Amino acid sequence: MSSTALHHHTMSRAASSSPDPAGPSHPGVLLRDRILPALNLTVSQAAQDLATTRQNLHRILAGRSAITPEMSLRLERFCGIPAAFWLERQQEYDLSRAQHALSGSPAVKCQHLLPDAVLIQLGASHER
């Protein structure tokens, strides 16, 4: 499965480790449900191959620990999916959790809008 197809899979599938049913799954769920079975590996074998403890890998697979930049590099060497893929999925998951946590807070409008010229220089944009 290509990294693009994996991304679409993670975005379309709600999992128990997602705080918002419509939000993205923790990337550990993808590793647990798709990667390890496809490689026919146990958690113990995968932990050994990833040079981490079984407990650490289990926390990632359960969605209780984040995939760090270091672990994303290990995963890239482990199964060939680029480190950036894993970090992007983790960031999407973390952002979704933060948005969900703040959803009950009163809406706050941006207090200081940057000029468009500055945004263009930064390669950023905002919704007005």
C-alpha atoms as a PDB file:
ATOM      1  CA  MET A   1       0.000   0.000   0.000  1.00  0.00           C
ATOM      2  CA  SER A   2       1.410   3.393  -0.938  1.00  0.00           C
ATOM      3  CA  SER A   3       1.922   6.082   1.692  1.00  0.00           C
ATOM      4  CA  THR A   4      -0.870   8.083   0.019  1.00  0.00           C
ATOM      5  CA  ALA A   5      -3.239   5.134   0.270  1.00  0.00           C
ATOM      6  CA  LEU A   6      -2.225   4.628   3.905  1.00  0.00           C
ATOM      7  CA  HIS A   7      -2.929   8.297   4.575  1.00  0.00           C
ATOM      8  CA  HIS A   8      -6.410   8.016   3.082  1.00  0.00           C
ATOM      9  CA  HIS A   9      -6.994   4.876   5.136  1.00  0.00           C
ATOM     10  CA  THR A  10      -6.043   6.618   8.379  1.00  0.00           C
ATOM     11  CA  MET A  11      -8.118   9.674   7.565  1.00  0.00           C
ATOM     12  CA  SER A  12     -11.241   7.691   6.686  1.00  0.00           C
ATOM     13  CA  ARG A  13     -11.142   5.221   9.552  1.00  0.00           C
ATOM     14  CA  ALA A  14     -12.194   6.186  13.056  1.00  0.00           C
ATOM     15  CA  ALA A  15     -10.538   4.140  15.785  1.00  0.00           C
ATOM     16  CA  SER A  16     -10.805   3.788  19.526  1.00  0.00           C
ATOM     17  CA  SER A  17      -7.687   5.912  19.972  1.00  0.00           C
ATOM     18  CA  SER A  18      -9.300   8.866  18.203  1.00  0.00           C
ATOM     19  CA  PRO A  19     -10.900  11.353  20.626  1.00  0.00           C
ATOM     20  CA  ASP A  20     -13.236  12.612  17.914  1.00  0.00           C
ATOM     21  CA  PRO A  21     -15.054   9.913  15.919  1.00  0.00           C
ATOM     22  CA  ALA A  22     -14.586  11.984  12.758  1.00  0.00           C
ATOM     23  CA  GLY A  23     -10.931  12.725  13.545  1.00  0.00           C
ATOM     24  CA  PRO A  24      -7.841  10.851  12.459  1.00  0.00           C
ATOM     25  CA  SER A  25      -6.664   7.706  14.210  1.00  0.00           C
ATOM     26  CA  HIS A  26      -3.459   7.551  16.181  1.00  0.00           C
ATOM     27  CA  PRO A  27      -0.719   6.376  13.797  1.00  0.00           C
ATOM     28  CA  GLY A  28       0.023   3.488  16.146  1.00  0.00           C
ATOM     29  CA  VAL A  29      -3.363   2.035  15.175  1.00  0.00           C
ATOM     30  CA  LEU A  30      -2.227   1.917  11.560  1.00  0.00           C
ATOM     31  CA  LEU A  31       0.973   0.204  12.635  1.00  0.00           C
ATOM     32  CA  ARG A  32      -0.973  -2.287  14.763  1.00  0.00           C
ATOM     33  CA  ASP A  33      -3.820  -3.012  12.348  1.00  0.00           C
ATOM     34  CA  ARG A  34      -2.112  -2.846   8.955  1.00  0.00           C
ATOM     35  CA  ILE A  35       1.673  -2.894   9.064  1.00  0.00           C
ATOM     36  CA  LEU A  36       2.458  -5.631  11.601  1.00  0.00           C
ATOM     37  CA  PRO A  37      -0.133  -8.052  10.163  1.00  0.00           C
ATOM     38  CA  ALA A  38       1.087  -7.384   6.607  1.00  0.00           C
ATOM     39  CA  LEU A  39       4.627  -8.181   7.737  1.00  0.00           C
ATOM     40  CA  ASN A  40       3.409 -11.164   9.787  1.00  0.00           C
ATOM     41  CA  LEU A  41       5.277  -9.887  12.845  1.00  0.00           C
ATOM     42  CA  THR A  42       4.506 -10.115  16.529  1.00  0.00           C
ATOM     43  CA  VAL A  43       4.808  -7.085  18.777  1.00  0.00           C
ATOM     44  CA  SER A  44       7.865  -8.673  20.389  1.00  0.00           C
ATOM     45  CA  GLN A  45       9.616  -9.215  17.051  1.00  0.00           C
ATOM     46  CA  ALA A  46       8.710  -5.723  15.825  1.00  0.00           C
ATOM     47  CA  ALA A  47       9.991  -4.181  19.063  1.00  0.00           C
ATOM     48  CA  GLN A  48      13.259  -6.050  18.656  1.00  0.00           C
ATOM     49  CA  ASP A  49      13.582  -4.950  15.018  1.00  0.00           C
ATOM     50  CA  LEU A  50      12.778  -1.351  15.999  1.00  0.00           C
ATOM     51  CA  ALA A  51      15.352  -1.457  18.832  1.00  0.00           C
ATOM     52  CA  THR A  52      12.760  -0.467  21.409  1.00  0.00           C
ATOM     53  CA  THR A  53      11.090  -2.180  24.325  1.00  0.00           C
ATOM     54  CA  ARG A  54       7.950  -4.207  23.855  1.00  0.00           C
ATOM     55  CA  GLN A  55       6.244  -1.961  26.407  1.00  0.00           C
ATOM     56  CA  ASN A  56       7.141   1.188  24.453  1.00  0.00           C
ATOM     57  CA  LEU A  57       5.877  -0.290  21.208  1.00  0.00           C
ATOM     58  CA  HIS A  58       2.707  -1.518  22.907  1.00  0.00           C
ATOM     59  CA  ARG A  59       1.998   2.041  24.173  1.00  0.00           C
ATOM     60  CA  ILE A  60       2.389   3.341  20.605  1.00  0.00           C
ATOM     61  CA  LEU A  61       0.168   0.603  19.166  1.00  0.00           C
ATOM     62  CA  ALA A  62      -2.485   1.366  21.791  1.00  0.00           C
ATOM     63  CA  GLY A  63      -2.357   5.090  20.988  1.00  0.00           C
ATOM     64  CA  ARG A  64      -1.046   6.031  24.423  1.00  0.00           C
ATOM     65  CA  SER A  65       2.404   7.208  23.263  1.00  0.00           C
ATOM     66  CA  ALA A  66       3.295   9.456  20.363  1.00  0.00           C
ATOM     67  CA  ILE A  67       5.461   8.495  17.439  1.00  0.00           C
ATOM     68  CA  THR A  68       8.513  10.666  17.963  1.00  0.00           C
ATOM     69  CA  PRO A  69      10.883  11.871  15.244  1.00  0.00           C
ATOM     70  CA  GLU A  70      13.358   9.187  16.321  1.00  0.00           C
ATOM     71  CA  MET A  71      10.711   6.453  16.180  1.00  0.00           C
ATOM     72  CA  SER A  72       9.544   7.716  12.780  1.00  0.00           C
ATOM     73  CA  LEU A  73      13.080   7.185  11.465  1.00  0.00           C
ATOM     74  CA  ARG A  74      13.139   3.704  12.969  1.00  0.00           C
ATOM     75  CA  LEU A  75       9.790   2.953  11.327  1.00  0.00           C
ATOM     76  CA  GLU A  76      11.119   4.178   7.983  1.00  0.00           C
ATOM     77  CA  ARG A  77      14.002   1.704   8.236  1.00  0.00           C
ATOM     78  CA  PHE A  78      11.634  -0.958   9.533  1.00  0.00           C
ATOM     79  CA  CYS A  79       8.984  -0.928   6.803  1.00  0.00           C
ATOM     80  CA  GLY A  80      10.008   1.648   4.199  1.00  0.00           C
ATOM     81  CA  ILE A  81       7.267   4.186   4.894  1.00  0.00           C
ATOM     82  CA  PRO A  82       8.927   7.629   5.068  1.00  0.00           C
ATOM     83  CA  ALA A  83       9.511   9.186   8.472  1.00  0.00           C
ATOM     84  CA  ALA A  84       7.585  12.274   7.358  1.00  0.00           C
ATOM     85  CA  PHE A  85       4.472  10.126   6.840  1.00  0.00           C
ATOM     86  CA  TRP A  86       4.524   8.960  10.458  1.00  0.00           C
ATOM     87  CA  LEU A  87       5.194  12.453  11.802  1.00  0.00           C
ATOM     88  CA  GLU A  88       2.398  13.966   9.688  1.00  0.00           C
ATOM     89  CA  ARG A  89      -0.086  11.361  10.961  1.00  0.00           C
ATOM     90  CA  GLN A  90       1.021  12.032  14.555  1.00  0.00           C
ATOM     91  CA  GLN A  91       0.660  15.783  14.076  1.00  0.00           C
ATOM     92  CA  GLU A  92      -2.815  15.381  12.530  1.00  0.00           C
ATOM     93  CA  TYR A  93      -3.855  13.202  15.466  1.00  0.00           C
ATOM     94  CA  ASP A  94      -2.426  15.610  18.059  1.00  0.00           C
ATOM     95  CA  LEU A  95      -4.056  18.620  16.401  1.00  0.00           C
ATOM     96  CA  SER A  96      -7.399  16.829  16.262  1.00  0.00           C
ATOM     97  CA  ARG A  97      -7.151  16.027  19.977  1.00  0.00           C
ATOM     98  CA  ALA A  98      -6.313  19.652  20.801  1.00  0.00           C
ATOM     99  CA  GLN A  99      -9.210  20.942  18.688  1.00  0.00           C
ATOM    100  CA  HIS A 100     -11.568  18.496  20.345  1.00  0.00           C
ATOM    101  CA  ALA A 101     -10.332  19.512  23.811  1.00  0.00           C
ATOM    102  CA  LEU A 102     -10.863  23.200  23.032  1.00  0.00           C
ATOM    103  CA  SER A 103     -14.218  22.713  21.308  1.00  0.00           C
ATOM    104  CA  GLY A 104     -16.055  23.553  24.524  1.00  0.00           C
ATOM    105  CA  SER A 105     -14.154  26.818  24.972  1.00  0.00           C
ATOM    106  CA  PRO A 106     -15.660  30.092  23.801  1.00  0.00           C
ATOM    107  CA  ALA A 107     -14.634  30.964  20.254  1.00  0.00           C
ATOM    108  CA  VAL A 108     -11.826  33.484  20.127  1.00  0.00           C
ATOM    109  CA  LYS A 109     -11.116  35.444  16.973  1.00  0.00           C
ATOM    110  CA  CYS A 110      -7.563  36.097  15.949  1.00  0.00           C
ATOM    111  CA  GLN A 111      -6.427  39.255  17.724  1.00  0.00           C
ATOM    112  CA  HIS A 112      -3.591  40.212  15.418  1.00  0.00           C
ATOM    113  CA  LEU A 113      -3.882  39.514  11.704  1.00  0.00           C
ATOM    114  CA  LEU A 114      -0.652  39.677   9.737  1.00  0.00           C
ATOM    115  CA  PRO A 115      -0.606  41.456   6.398  1.00  0.00           C
ATOM    116  CA  ASP A 116      -0.895  39.166   3.376  1.00  0.00           C
ATOM    117  CA  ALA A 117       2.615  40.163   2.225  1.00  0.00           C
ATOM    118  CA  VAL A 118       4.109  38.803   5.445  1.00  0.00           C
ATOM    119  CA  LEU A 119       2.086  35.606   5.172  1.00  0.00           C
ATOM    120  CA  ILE A 120       3.307  35.077   1.627  1.00  0.00           C
ATOM    121  CA  GLN A 121       6.918  35.538   2.759  1.00  0.00           C
ATOM    122  CA  LEU A 122       6.360  32.958   5.488  1.00  0.00           C
ATOM    123  CA  GLY A 123       4.589  30.551   3.168  1.00  0.00           C
ATOM    124  CA  ALA A 124       1.553  30.630   5.441  1.00  0.00           C
ATOM    125  CA  SER A 125      -2.024  31.716   5.113  1.00  0.00           C
ATOM    126  CA  HIS A 126      -5.008  32.352   7.318  1.00  0.00           C
ATOM    127  CA  GLU A 127      -8.713  32.388   6.762  1.00  0.00           C
ATOM    128  CA  ARG A 128     -10.298  35.802   6.890  1.00  0.00           C
END
